[in-house]
PDB file of N, CA and C in Angstrom:
ATOM      1  N   UNK A   1     -14.938  28.497  -3.586  1.00  0.00           N
ATOM      2  CA  UNK A   1     -14.737  26.875  -2.698  1.00  0.00           C
ATOM      3  C   UNK A   1     -13.514  26.588  -1.827  1.00  0.00           C
ATOM      4  N   UNK A   2     -13.758  26.165  -0.973  1.00  0.00           N
ATOM      5  CA  UNK A   2     -12.472  25.486  -0.029  1.00  0.00           C
ATOM      6  C   UNK A   2     -11.938  24.526  -1.343  1.00  0.00           C
ATOM      7  N   UNK A   3     -11.215  23.725  -0.537  1.00  0.00           N
ATOM      8  CA  UNK A   3      -9.958  22.876  -1.245  1.00  0.00           C
ATOM      9  C   UNK A   3      -9.575  21.985   0.011  1.00  0.00           C
ATOM     10  N   UNK A   4      -9.303  20.783   0.021  1.00  0.00           N
ATOM     11  CA  UNK A   4      -8.955  19.756   1.333  1.00  0.00           C
ATOM     12  C   UNK A   4      -8.064  19.071   0.562  1.00  0.00           C
ATOM     13  N   UNK A   5      -7.449  18.564   1.855  1.00  0.00           N
ATOM     14  CA  UNK A   5      -6.141  17.739   2.172  1.00  0.00           C
ATOM     15  C   UNK A   5      -6.499  16.938   2.998  1.00  0.00           C
ATOM     16  N   UNK A   6      -6.296  15.314   2.627  1.00  0.00           N
ATOM     17  CA  UNK A   6      -6.174  14.678   3.705  1.00  0.00           C
ATOM     18  C   UNK A   6      -4.793  14.159   3.991  1.00  0.00           C
ATOM     19  N   UNK A   7      -4.758  13.691   5.522  1.00  0.00           N
ATOM     20  CA  UNK A   7      -3.521  12.914   5.682  1.00  0.00           C
ATOM     21  C   UNK A   7      -3.517  11.808   7.084  1.00  0.00           C
ATOM     22  N   UNK A   8      -2.719  11.311   7.168  1.00  0.00           N
ATOM     23  CA  UNK A   8      -2.593  10.357   8.337  1.00  0.00           C
ATOM     24  C   UNK A   8      -2.910   8.800   7.587  1.00  0.00           C
ATOM     25  N   UNK A   9      -2.810   8.620   6.553  1.00  0.00           N
ATOM     26  CA  UNK A   9      -3.029   7.154   6.098  1.00  0.00           C
ATOM     27  C   UNK A   9      -1.945   6.421   6.430  1.00  0.00           C
ATOM     28  N   UNK A  10      -1.853   4.966   6.310  1.00  0.00           N
ATOM     29  CA  UNK A  10      -0.697   3.674   6.681  1.00  0.00           C
ATOM     30  C   UNK A  10      -1.370   2.705   6.936  1.00  0.00           C
ATOM     31  N   UNK A  11      -0.666   1.550   7.226  1.00  0.00           N
ATOM     32  CA  UNK A  11      -0.720   0.244   7.795  1.00  0.00           C
ATOM     33  C   UNK A  11      -0.694  -0.044   8.882  1.00  0.00           C
ATOM     34  N   UNK A  12      -2.099  -0.548   9.217  1.00  0.00           N
ATOM     35  CA  UNK A  12      -2.584  -0.623  10.704  1.00  0.00           C
ATOM     36  C   UNK A  12      -3.108  -1.903  10.658  1.00  0.00           C
ATOM     37  N   UNK A  13      -2.586  -2.680  11.740  1.00  0.00           N
ATOM     38  CA  UNK A  13      -3.411  -4.142  11.852  1.00  0.00           C
ATOM     39  C   UNK A  13      -4.558  -4.286  12.063  1.00  0.00           C
ATOM     40  N   UNK A  14      -5.397  -5.542  11.994  1.00  0.00           N
ATOM     41  CA  UNK A  14      -6.439  -5.527  12.581  1.00  0.00           C
ATOM     42  C   UNK A  14      -6.812  -5.297  14.025  1.00  0.00           C
ATOM     43  N   UNK A  15      -7.596  -4.555  14.274  1.00  0.00           N
ATOM     44  CA  UNK A  15      -8.392  -4.322  15.513  1.00  0.00           C
ATOM     45  C   UNK A  15      -7.472  -3.540  16.126  1.00  0.00           C
ATOM     46  N   UNK A  16      -6.538  -2.170  15.355  1.00  0.00           N
ATOM     47  CA  UNK A  16      -5.991  -1.287  15.562  1.00  0.00           C
ATOM     48  C   UNK A  16      -6.727  -0.038  15.374  1.00  0.00           C
ATOM     49  N   UNK A  17      -6.387   1.015  15.656  1.00  0.00           N
ATOM     50  CA  UNK A  17      -6.951   2.624  15.554  1.00  0.00           C
ATOM     51  C   UNK A  17      -6.461   3.412  14.263  1.00  0.00           C
ATOM     52  N   UNK A  18      -6.352   4.439  14.053  1.00  0.00           N
ATOM     53  CA  UNK A  18      -6.141   5.437  13.106  1.00  0.00           C
ATOM     54  C   UNK A  18      -6.599   6.401  13.066  1.00  0.00           C
ATOM     55  N   UNK A  19      -6.081   7.923  12.601  1.00  0.00           N
ATOM     56  CA  UNK A  19      -7.119   8.913  12.485  1.00  0.00           C
ATOM     57  C   UNK A  19      -6.743   9.427  11.442  1.00  0.00           C
ATOM     58  N   UNK A  20      -7.928  10.067  11.059  1.00  0.00           N
ATOM     59  CA  UNK A  20      -7.762  10.946   9.229  1.00  0.00           C
ATOM     60  C   UNK A  20      -7.741  12.101   9.262  1.00  0.00           C
ATOM     61  N   UNK A  21      -6.882  12.706   9.121  1.00  0.00           N
ATOM     62  CA  UNK A  21      -7.382  14.693   9.028  1.00  0.00           C
ATOM     63  C   UNK A  21      -7.661  15.392   7.644  1.00  0.00           C
ATOM     64  N   UNK A  22      -8.111  16.236   7.803  1.00  0.00           N
ATOM     65  CA  UNK A  22      -9.020  16.394   6.665  1.00  0.00           C
ATOM     66  C   UNK A  22      -8.691  18.357   6.781  1.00  0.00           C
ATOM     67  N   UNK A  23      -7.628  18.810   5.827  1.00  0.00           N
ATOM     68  CA  UNK A  23      -7.427  20.243   6.246  1.00  0.00           C
ATOM     69  C   UNK A  23      -8.023  20.948   4.952  1.00  0.00           C
ATOM     70  N   UNK A  24      -8.720  22.091   5.125  1.00  0.00           N
ATOM     71  CA  UNK A  24      -9.096  22.562   3.926  1.00  0.00           C
ATOM     72  C   UNK A  24      -8.559  24.347   4.184  1.00  0.00           C
ATOM     73  N   UNK A  25      -8.604  24.888   3.228  1.00  0.00           N
ATOM     74  CA  UNK A  25      -8.035  26.027   2.626  1.00  0.00           C
ATOM     75  C   UNK A  25      -8.523  27.385   3.363  1.00  0.00           C
ATOM     76  N   UNK A  26     -10.077  26.978   3.871  1.00  0.00           N
ATOM     77  CA  UNK A  26     -10.655  28.624   4.190  1.00  0.00           C
ATOM     78  C   UNK A  26     -11.970  28.114   4.697  1.00  0.00           C
ATOM     79  N   UNK A  27     -12.359  28.580   5.715  1.00  0.00           N
ATOM     80  CA  UNK A  27     -13.479  28.887   6.593  1.00  0.00           C
ATOM     81  C   UNK A  27     -14.455  27.142   5.896  1.00  0.00           C
ATOM     82  N   UNK A  28     -15.043  26.471   6.776  1.00  0.00           N
ATOM     83  CA  UNK A  28     -15.482  25.658   6.814  1.00  0.00           C
ATOM     84  C   UNK A  28     -16.966  26.140   7.601  1.00  0.00           C
ATOM     85  N   UNK A  29     -16.742  26.289   8.772  1.00  0.00           N
ATOM     86  CA  UNK A  29     -17.921  26.796   9.432  1.00  0.00           C
ATOM     87  C   UNK A  29     -19.246  26.830   9.463  1.00  0.00           C
ATOM     88  N   UNK A  30     -19.274  27.348   8.442  1.00  0.00           N
ATOM     89  CA  UNK A  30     -21.036  27.494   8.212  1.00  0.00           C
ATOM     90  C   UNK A  30     -21.918  26.849   7.619  1.00  0.00           C
ATOM     91  N   UNK A  31     -21.100  26.888   6.258  1.00  0.00           N
ATOM     92  CA  UNK A  31     -20.911  26.555   5.022  1.00  0.00           C
ATOM     93  C   UNK A  31     -20.818  25.176   4.245  1.00  0.00           C
ATOM     94  N   UNK A  32     -20.172  24.138   5.249  1.00  0.00           N
ATOM     95  CA  UNK A  32     -20.017  23.216   4.467  1.00  0.00           C
ATOM     96  C   UNK A  32     -20.383  22.071   5.458  1.00  0.00           C
ATOM     97  N   UNK A  33     -21.049  20.962   4.485  1.00  0.00           N
ATOM     98  CA  UNK A  33     -20.797  19.773   5.232  1.00  0.00           C
ATOM     99  C   UNK A  33     -19.945  18.759   5.251  1.00  0.00           C
ATOM    100  N   UNK A  34     -18.877  18.656   5.593  1.00  0.00           N
ATOM    101  CA  UNK A  34     -17.932  17.767   5.722  1.00  0.00           C
ATOM    102  C   UNK A  34     -17.984  15.897   5.727  1.00  0.00           C
ATOM    103  N   UNK A  35     -17.490  15.466   4.559  1.00  0.00           N
ATOM    104  CA  UNK A  35     -17.632  14.158   4.802  1.00  0.00           C
ATOM    105  C   UNK A  35     -16.297  13.428   4.176  1.00  0.00           C
ATOM    106  N   UNK A  36     -16.710  11.493   4.817  1.00  0.00           N
ATOM    107  CA  UNK A  36     -15.378  10.653   4.395  1.00  0.00           C
ATOM    108  C   UNK A  36     -15.824  10.153   3.626  1.00  0.00           C
ATOM    109  N   UNK A  37     -15.496   9.535   2.356  1.00  0.00           N
ATOM    110  CA  UNK A  37     -15.508   8.235   1.640  1.00  0.00           C
ATOM    111  C   UNK A  37     -14.305   8.069   1.855  1.00  0.00           C
ATOM    112  N   UNK A  38     -14.589   6.777   0.901  1.00  0.00           N
ATOM    113  CA  UNK A  38     -13.730   5.584   0.640  1.00  0.00           C
ATOM    114  C   UNK A  38     -13.946   4.667  -0.574  1.00  0.00           C
ATOM    115  N   UNK A  39     -12.801   4.296  -1.605  1.00  0.00           N
ATOM    116  CA  UNK A  39     -12.892   3.661  -2.619  1.00  0.00           C
ATOM    117  C   UNK A  39     -11.929   2.206  -2.229  1.00  0.00           C
ATOM    118  N   UNK A  40     -12.695   1.082  -2.527  1.00  0.00           N
ATOM    119  CA  UNK A  40     -11.554   0.376  -2.761  1.00  0.00           C
ATOM    120  C   UNK A  40     -11.620  -0.781  -3.619  1.00  0.00           C
ATOM    121  N   UNK A  41     -10.284  -1.285  -4.168  1.00  0.00           N
ATOM    122  CA  UNK A  41      -9.760  -2.035  -5.461  1.00  0.00           C
ATOM    123  C   UNK A  41     -11.049  -2.723  -5.700  1.00  0.00           C
ATOM    124  N   UNK A  42     -11.279  -2.268  -7.222  1.00  0.00           N
ATOM    125  CA  UNK A  42     -12.507  -2.889  -7.812  1.00  0.00           C
ATOM    126  C   UNK A  42     -14.317  -2.728  -7.649  1.00  0.00           C
ATOM    127  N   UNK A  43     -14.007  -1.393  -6.463  1.00  0.00           N
ATOM    128  CA  UNK A  43     -15.283  -1.094  -5.689  1.00  0.00           C
ATOM    129  C   UNK A  43     -15.798   0.763  -6.118  1.00  0.00           C
ATOM    130  N   UNK A  44     -16.894   0.811  -6.247  1.00  0.00           N
ATOM    131  CA  UNK A  44     -16.994   2.010  -6.178  1.00  0.00           C
ATOM    132  C   UNK A  44     -16.818   2.654  -5.066  1.00  0.00           C
ATOM    133  N   UNK A  45     -16.724   4.502  -5.309  1.00  0.00           N
ATOM    134  CA  UNK A  45     -16.752   5.055  -3.939  1.00  0.00           C
ATOM    135  C   UNK A  45     -17.638   4.994  -3.232  1.00  0.00           C
ATOM    136  N   UNK A  46     -17.636   4.898  -1.653  1.00  0.00           N
ATOM    137  CA  UNK A  46     -19.292   5.296  -0.586  1.00  0.00           C
ATOM    138  C   UNK A  46     -18.697   5.981   0.086  1.00  0.00           C
ATOM    139  N   UNK A  47     -19.757   6.355   0.030  1.00  0.00           N
ATOM    140  CA  UNK A  47     -19.902   7.513   1.739  1.00  0.00           C
ATOM    141  C   UNK A  47     -19.546   6.742   2.886  1.00  0.00           C
ATOM    142  N   UNK A  48     -18.660   7.139   3.882  1.00  0.00           N
ATOM    143  CA  UNK A  48     -18.576   6.365   4.905  1.00  0.00           C
ATOM    144  C   UNK A  48     -19.578   7.588   6.081  1.00  0.00           C
ATOM    145  N   UNK A  49     -18.877   8.561   5.884  1.00  0.00           N
ATOM    146  CA  UNK A  49     -19.829   9.452   7.323  1.00  0.00           C
ATOM    147  C   UNK A  49     -19.675  11.308   6.801  1.00  0.00           C
ATOM    148  N   UNK A  50     -20.215  11.831   7.721  1.00  0.00           N
ATOM    149  CA  UNK A  50     -20.587  12.924   6.965  1.00  0.00           C
ATOM    150  C   UNK A  50     -21.150  13.964   8.226  1.00  0.00           C
ATOM    151  N   UNK A  51     -20.616  14.712   8.417  1.00  0.00           N
ATOM    152  CA  UNK A  51     -21.060  15.812  10.044  1.00  0.00           C
ATOM    153  C   UNK A  51     -21.441  16.711   9.087  1.00  0.00           C
ATOM    154  N   UNK A  52     -22.446  17.357   9.949  1.00  0.00           N
ATOM    155  CA  UNK A  52     -23.194  18.775   9.639  1.00  0.00           C
ATOM    156  C   UNK A  52     -22.456  20.016   9.961  1.00  0.00           C
ATOM    157  N   UNK A  53     -22.508  21.496   9.090  1.00  0.00           N
ATOM    158  CA  UNK A  53     -22.214  22.593  10.077  1.00  0.00           C
ATOM    159  C   UNK A  53     -23.021  22.619  11.040  1.00  0.00           C
ATOM    160  N   UNK A  54     -22.602  24.130  12.219  1.00  0.00           N
ATOM    161  CA  UNK A  54     -23.261  24.149  13.044  1.00  0.00           C
ATOM    162  C   UNK A  54     -23.828  22.945  14.191  1.00  0.00           C
ATOM    163  N   UNK A  55     -24.633  21.988  13.822  1.00  0.00           N
ATOM    164  CA  UNK A  55     -25.535  21.454  14.869  1.00  0.00           C
ATOM    165  C   UNK A  55     -24.351  20.124  14.691  1.00  0.00           C
ATOM    166  N   UNK A  56     -23.277  20.112  14.353  1.00  0.00           N
ATOM    167  CA  UNK A  56     -22.850  18.882  14.024  1.00  0.00           C
ATOM    168  C   UNK A  56     -23.344  17.745  14.048  1.00  0.00           C
ATOM    169  N   UNK A  57     -24.669  17.829  13.447  1.00  0.00           N
ATOM    170  CA  UNK A  57     -24.942  15.992  13.592  1.00  0.00           C
ATOM    171  C   UNK A  57     -24.404  15.430  12.362  1.00  0.00           C
ATOM    172  N   UNK A  58     -24.361  13.888  12.744  1.00  0.00           N
ATOM    173  CA  UNK A  58     -23.047  12.940  11.771  1.00  0.00           C
ATOM    174  C   UNK A  58     -23.895  12.096  11.892  1.00  0.00           C
ATOM    175  N   UNK A  59     -23.849  11.089  10.454  1.00  0.00           N
ATOM    176  CA  UNK A  59     -24.184   9.998  10.042  1.00  0.00           C
ATOM    177  C   UNK A  59     -23.234   8.674   9.678  1.00  0.00           C
ATOM    178  N   UNK A  60     -23.353   7.797   9.597  1.00  0.00           N
ATOM    179  CA  UNK A  60     -22.434   6.763   9.037  1.00  0.00           C
ATOM    180  C   UNK A  60     -23.200   5.355   8.487  1.00  0.00           C
ATOM    181  N   UNK A  61     -22.513   5.201   7.463  1.00  0.00           N
ATOM    182  CA  UNK A  61     -23.034   3.645   7.388  1.00  0.00           C
ATOM    183  C   UNK A  61     -22.573   2.993   7.922  1.00  0.00           C
ATOM    184  N   UNK A  62     -23.725   1.717   7.852  1.00  0.00           N
ATOM    185  CA  UNK A  62     -23.869   0.538   8.460  1.00  0.00           C
ATOM    186  C   UNK A  62     -22.695   0.323   9.123  1.00  0.00           C
ATOM    187  N   UNK A  63     -21.377  -0.301   7.677  1.00  0.00           N
ATOM    188  CA  UNK A  63     -20.582  -1.260   7.988  1.00  0.00           C
ATOM    189  C   UNK A  63     -19.254  -0.723   9.223  1.00  0.00           C
ATOM    190  N   UNK A  64     -19.516   1.224   9.254  1.00  0.00           N
ATOM    191  CA  UNK A  64     -18.467   1.411  10.582  1.00  0.00           C
ATOM    192  C   UNK A  64     -19.376   2.074  11.590  1.00  0.00           C
ATOM    193  N   UNK A  65     -20.622   2.332  11.533  1.00  0.00           N
ATOM    194  CA  UNK A  65     -21.302   2.848  12.742  1.00  0.00           C
ATOM    195  C   UNK A  65     -20.757   2.062  14.157  1.00  0.00           C
ATOM    196  N   UNK A  66     -20.121   2.720  15.080  1.00  0.00           N
ATOM    197  CA  UNK A  66     -19.967   2.455  15.761  1.00  0.00           C
ATOM    198  C   UNK A  66     -18.452   1.929  16.615  1.00  0.00           C
ATOM    199  N   UNK A  67     -17.969   2.172  15.049  1.00  0.00           N
ATOM    200  CA  UNK A  67     -16.274   1.834  15.041  1.00  0.00           C
ATOM    201  C   UNK A  67     -15.557   3.196  14.579  1.00  0.00           C
ATOM    202  N   UNK A  68     -16.155   3.856  13.864  1.00  0.00           N
ATOM    203  CA  UNK A  68     -15.580   5.307  13.440  1.00  0.00           C
ATOM    204  C   UNK A  68     -16.134   6.212  13.966  1.00  0.00           C
ATOM    205  N   UNK A  69     -16.075   7.102  14.041  1.00  0.00           N
ATOM    206  CA  UNK A  69     -16.330   8.721  14.470  1.00  0.00           C
ATOM    207  C   UNK A  69     -15.975  10.159  13.630  1.00  0.00           C
ATOM    208  N   UNK A  70     -16.651  10.376  13.174  1.00  0.00           N
ATOM    209  CA  UNK A  70     -15.974  11.867  12.562  1.00  0.00           C
ATOM    210  C   UNK A  70     -16.302  13.281  13.133  1.00  0.00           C
ATOM    211  N   UNK A  71     -15.589  14.166  13.105  1.00  0.00           N
ATOM    212  CA  UNK A  71     -15.521  15.526  13.970  1.00  0.00           C
ATOM    213  C   UNK A  71     -15.051  16.377  13.228  1.00  0.00           C
ATOM    214  N   UNK A  72     -15.514  17.623  13.326  1.00  0.00           N
ATOM    215  CA  UNK A  72     -14.743  18.357  12.822  1.00  0.00           C
ATOM    216  C   UNK A  72     -14.567  19.616  14.155  1.00  0.00           C
ATOM    217  N   UNK A  73     -13.096  20.896  13.490  1.00  0.00           N
ATOM    218  CA  UNK A  73     -12.951  21.893  14.256  1.00  0.00           C
ATOM    219  C   UNK A  73     -13.147  22.737  13.586  1.00  0.00           C
ATOM    220  N   UNK A  74     -13.704  23.988  13.431  1.00  0.00           N
ATOM    221  CA  UNK A  74     -14.506  24.787  12.762  1.00  0.00           C
ATOM    222  C   UNK A  74     -13.388  26.204  12.491  1.00  0.00           C
ATOM    223  N   UNK A  75     -12.764  26.034  13.602  1.00  0.00           N
ATOM    224  CA  UNK A  75     -11.658  26.929  14.075  1.00  0.00           C
ATOM    225  C   UNK A  75     -10.348  26.928  13.571  1.00  0.00           C
ATOM    226  N   UNK A  76     -10.232  25.603  13.271  1.00  0.00           N
ATOM    227  CA  UNK A  76      -9.063  25.176  12.808  1.00  0.00           C
ATOM    228  C   UNK A  76      -9.038  24.969  11.408  1.00  0.00           C
ATOM    229  N   UNK A  77     -10.496  24.653  11.186  1.00  0.00           N
ATOM    230  CA  UNK A  77     -10.626  24.822   9.306  1.00  0.00           C
ATOM    231  C   UNK A  77     -10.154  22.724   9.244  1.00  0.00           C
ATOM    232  N   UNK A  78     -10.880  21.850   9.886  1.00  0.00           N
ATOM    233  CA  UNK A  78     -10.150  21.203   9.899  1.00  0.00           C
ATOM    234  C   UNK A  78     -11.498  19.731  10.421  1.00  0.00           C
ATOM    235  N   UNK A  79     -11.307  18.645   9.552  1.00  0.00           N
ATOM    236  CA  UNK A  79     -12.221  17.275   9.899  1.00  0.00           C
ATOM    237  C   UNK A  79     -11.111  16.251  10.014  1.00  0.00           C
ATOM    238  N   UNK A  80     -12.179  15.365  11.084  1.00  0.00           N
ATOM    239  CA  UNK A  80     -11.326  14.209  11.214  1.00  0.00           C
ATOM    240  C   UNK A  80     -12.107  12.653  11.286  1.00  0.00           C
ATOM    241  N   UNK A  81     -11.871  11.754  11.224  1.00  0.00           N
ATOM    242  CA  UNK A  81     -11.787  10.612  10.468  1.00  0.00           C
ATOM    243  C   UNK A  81     -11.372   9.270  11.754  1.00  0.00           C
ATOM    244  N   UNK A  82     -11.959   9.453  13.115  1.00  0.00           N
ATOM    245  CA  UNK A  82     -11.152   8.717  13.925  1.00  0.00           C
ATOM    246  C   UNK A  82     -11.807   7.239  13.629  1.00  0.00           C
ATOM    247  N   UNK A  83     -10.783   5.869  13.551  1.00  0.00           N
ATOM    248  CA  UNK A  83     -11.190   4.786  12.978  1.00  0.00           C
ATOM    249  C   UNK A  83     -10.560   3.174  13.839  1.00  0.00           C
ATOM    250  N   UNK A  84     -11.375   3.052  14.396  1.00  0.00           N
ATOM    251  CA  UNK A  84     -11.171   1.540  15.688  1.00  0.00           C
ATOM    252  C   UNK A  84     -11.699   0.660  15.036  1.00  0.00           C
ATOM    253  N   UNK A  85     -10.922  -0.479  15.814  1.00  0.00           N
ATOM    254  CA  UNK A  85     -11.492  -1.725  15.408  1.00  0.00           C
ATOM    255  C   UNK A  85     -11.237  -1.711  13.929  1.00  0.00           C
ATOM    256  N   UNK A  86     -10.634  -1.851  13.348  1.00  0.00           N
ATOM    257  CA  UNK A  86     -10.167  -1.500  11.985  1.00  0.00           C
ATOM    258  C   UNK A  86     -10.471  -3.241  11.708  1.00  0.00           C
ATOM    259  N   UNK A  87     -11.145  -3.084  10.649  1.00  0.00           N
ATOM    260  CA  UNK A  87     -10.943  -4.271   9.890  1.00  0.00           C
ATOM    261  C   UNK A  87     -10.439  -4.591   8.448  1.00  0.00           C
ATOM    262  N   UNK A  88      -9.979  -5.897   7.926  1.00  0.00           N
ATOM    263  CA  UNK A  88      -9.645  -5.707   6.596  1.00  0.00           C
ATOM    264  C   UNK A  88     -10.257  -4.985   5.488  1.00  0.00           C
ATOM    265  N   UNK A  89     -11.517  -4.985   5.640  1.00  0.00           N
ATOM    266  CA  UNK A  89     -12.372  -4.934   4.397  1.00  0.00           C
ATOM    267  C   UNK A  89     -12.499  -3.752   4.434  1.00  0.00           C
ATOM    268  N   UNK A  90     -11.586  -2.499   5.873  1.00  0.00           N
ATOM    269  CA  UNK A  90     -11.716  -1.204   5.893  1.00  0.00           C
ATOM    270  C   UNK A  90     -10.476  -0.721   5.132  1.00  0.00           C
ATOM    271  N   UNK A  91      -9.612  -1.616   4.524  1.00  0.00           N
ATOM    272  CA  UNK A  91      -8.590  -1.070   3.628  1.00  0.00           C
ATOM    273  C   UNK A  91      -9.173  -0.343   1.855  1.00  0.00           C
ATOM    274  N   UNK A  92      -8.943   0.883   1.904  1.00  0.00           N
ATOM    275  CA  UNK A  92      -9.220   1.599   0.916  1.00  0.00           C
ATOM    276  C   UNK A  92      -8.334   2.566   0.830  1.00  0.00           C
ATOM    277  N   UNK A  93      -8.839   3.369  -0.273  1.00  0.00           N
ATOM    278  CA  UNK A  93      -8.509   4.915  -0.408  1.00  0.00           C
ATOM    279  C   UNK A  93      -9.506   5.849   0.334  1.00  0.00           C
ATOM    280  N   UNK A  94      -8.957   6.439   1.455  1.00  0.00           N
ATOM    281  CA  UNK A  94     -10.059   7.248   1.856  1.00  0.00           C
ATOM    282  C   UNK A  94     -10.062   8.593   1.132  1.00  0.00           C
ATOM    283  N   UNK A  95     -11.082   9.390   1.367  1.00  0.00           N
ATOM    284  CA  UNK A  95     -11.422  10.865   1.007  1.00  0.00           C
ATOM    285  C   UNK A  95     -11.754  11.550   1.478  1.00  0.00           C
ATOM    286  N   UNK A  96     -11.406  12.933   1.168  1.00  0.00           N
ATOM    287  CA  UNK A  96     -12.389  13.623   2.344  1.00  0.00           C
ATOM    288  C   UNK A  96     -13.162  14.786   1.127  1.00  0.00           C
ATOM    289  N   UNK A  97     -14.141  14.961   1.457  1.00  0.00           N
ATOM    290  CA  UNK A  97     -15.323  15.965   0.466  1.00  0.00           C
ATOM    291  C   UNK A  97     -15.783  17.297   1.471  1.00  0.00           C
ATOM    292  N   UNK A  98     -15.448  17.815   1.228  1.00  0.00           N
ATOM    293  CA  UNK A  98     -16.283  19.434   1.454  1.00  0.00           C
ATOM    294  C   UNK A  98     -17.384  19.673   0.657  1.00  0.00           C
ATOM    295  N   UNK A  99     -18.666  19.582   1.016  1.00  0.00           N
ATOM    296  CA  UNK A  99     -19.854  20.009   0.220  1.00  0.00           C
ATOM    297  C   UNK A  99     -21.045  21.490   0.766  1.00  0.00           C
ATOM    298  N   UNK A 100     -20.745  22.416  -0.286  1.00  0.00           N
ATOM    299  CA  UNK A 100     -21.096  23.524   0.125  1.00  0.00           C
ATOM    300  C   UNK A 100     -23.109  23.567  -0.212  1.00  0.00           C
ATOM    301  N   UNK A 101     -23.132  24.196   0.945  1.00  0.00           N
ATOM    302  CA  UNK A 101     -24.556  23.829   1.615  1.00  0.00           C
ATOM    303  C   UNK A 101     -25.589  24.532   0.307  1.00  0.00           C
ATOM    304  N   UNK A 102     -25.127  25.755  -0.308  1.00  0.00           N
ATOM    305  CA  UNK A 102     -26.126  26.810  -0.811  1.00  0.00           C
ATOM    306  C   UNK A 102     -25.555  26.150  -3.075  1.00  0.00           C
ATOM    307  N   UNK A 103     -24.173  25.838  -3.215  1.00  0.00           N
ATOM    308  CA  UNK A 103     -24.067  25.824  -4.538  1.00  0.00           C
ATOM    309  C   UNK A 103     -23.911  24.058  -4.565  1.00  0.00           C
ATOM    310  N   UNK A 104     -24.073  23.136  -3.438  1.00  0.00           N
ATOM    311  CA  UNK A 104     -23.860  22.091  -3.917  1.00  0.00           C
ATOM    312  C   UNK A 104     -23.034  21.491  -4.525  1.00  0.00           C
ATOM    313  N   UNK A 105     -21.570  22.338  -4.703  1.00  0.00           N
ATOM    314  CA  UNK A 105     -20.356  21.860  -5.636  1.00  0.00           C
ATOM    315  C   UNK A 105     -19.145  21.001  -4.324  1.00  0.00           C
ATOM    316  N   UNK A 106     -19.004  19.891  -4.577  1.00  0.00           N
ATOM    317  CA  UNK A 106     -17.874  19.229  -3.922  1.00  0.00           C
ATOM    318  C   UNK A 106     -16.617  19.535  -3.753  1.00  0.00           C
ATOM    319  N   UNK A 107     -16.009  19.980  -3.269  1.00  0.00           N
ATOM    320  CA  UNK A 107     -14.335  19.455  -3.288  1.00  0.00           C
ATOM    321  C   UNK A 107     -13.811  18.353  -2.811  1.00  0.00           C
ATOM    322  N   UNK A 108     -13.259  17.822  -3.711  1.00  0.00           N
ATOM    323  CA  UNK A 108     -12.588  16.459  -3.394  1.00  0.00           C
ATOM    324  C   UNK A 108     -11.022  16.651  -2.843  1.00  0.00           C
ATOM    325  N   UNK A 109     -10.605  16.076  -1.910  1.00  0.00           N
ATOM    326  CA  UNK A 109      -8.839  15.644  -1.753  1.00  0.00           C
ATOM    327  C   UNK A 109      -8.264  14.440  -2.375  1.00  0.00           C
ATOM    328  N   UNK A 110      -7.126  14.180  -2.670  1.00  0.00           N
ATOM    329  CA  UNK A 110      -6.576  13.482  -3.503  1.00  0.00           C
ATOM    330  C   UNK A 110      -6.628  12.253  -2.888  1.00  0.00           C
ATOM    331  N   UNK A 111      -6.657  11.747  -1.758  1.00  0.00           N
ATOM    332  CA  UNK A 111      -6.906  11.108  -0.931  1.00  0.00           C
ATOM    333  C   UNK A 111      -5.823  10.438  -0.560  1.00  0.00           C
ATOM    334  N   UNK A 112      -6.249   9.408   0.804  1.00  0.00           N
ATOM    335  CA  UNK A 112      -4.984   8.832   1.458  1.00  0.00           C
ATOM    336  C   UNK A 112      -5.090   6.925   1.661  1.00  0.00           C
ATOM    337  N   UNK A 113      -4.181   6.409   1.794  1.00  0.00           N
ATOM    338  CA  UNK A 113      -4.387   5.149   1.754  1.00  0.00           C
ATOM    339  C   UNK A 113      -4.491   4.290   3.094  1.00  0.00           C
ATOM    340  N   UNK A 114      -5.019   3.589   3.634  1.00  0.00           N
ATOM    341  CA  UNK A 114      -5.310   3.325   4.477  1.00  0.00           C
ATOM    342  C   UNK A 114      -5.518   1.392   4.230  1.00  0.00           C
ATOM    343  N   UNK A 115      -4.568   0.976   4.576  1.00  0.00           N
ATOM    344  CA  UNK A 115      -4.229  -0.744   4.648  1.00  0.00           C
ATOM    345  C   UNK A 115      -4.315  -1.308   5.999  1.00  0.00           C
ATOM    346  N   UNK A 116      -5.069  -2.111   6.333  1.00  0.00           N
ATOM    347  CA  UNK A 116      -5.563  -3.207   7.190  1.00  0.00           C
ATOM    348  C   UNK A 116      -4.902  -4.514   7.144  1.00  0.00           C
ATOM    349  N   UNK A 117      -4.133  -4.685   7.747  1.00  0.00           N
ATOM    350  CA  UNK A 117      -3.345  -6.411   7.801  1.00  0.00           C
ATOM    351  C   UNK A 117      -3.756  -7.052   8.845  1.00  0.00           C
ATOM    352  N   UNK A 118      -4.595  -8.336   8.780  1.00  0.00           N
ATOM    353  CA  UNK A 118      -4.798  -9.510   9.311  1.00  0.00           C
ATOM    354  C   UNK A 118      -3.060  -9.534  10.387  1.00  0.00           C
TER     355      UNK A 118
END
């Protein structure tokens, strides 16, 4: 099972852009769905987007569709979340998840804080 770590969080003004990066410790290309989740204060963790291996099919939660883009670079064992048109409600801790297709086991990072100021 791979391990993952997020980076790229920080403070951004509303309307701005930010890219989060998820680095995996081993190959993700064939066996791992890569996902981004977020958890705002006082709320449950929610799925933001995920992308499948090989076919690179991406899905988004309605609140971010058209503003966020998930991508993966299997040669580098990396996944990304490009966030544009940021809104205050996007403020949360963002987590990367690598889900093994066969075992269904998840590997979570420790999260990266993203804060959107008005």
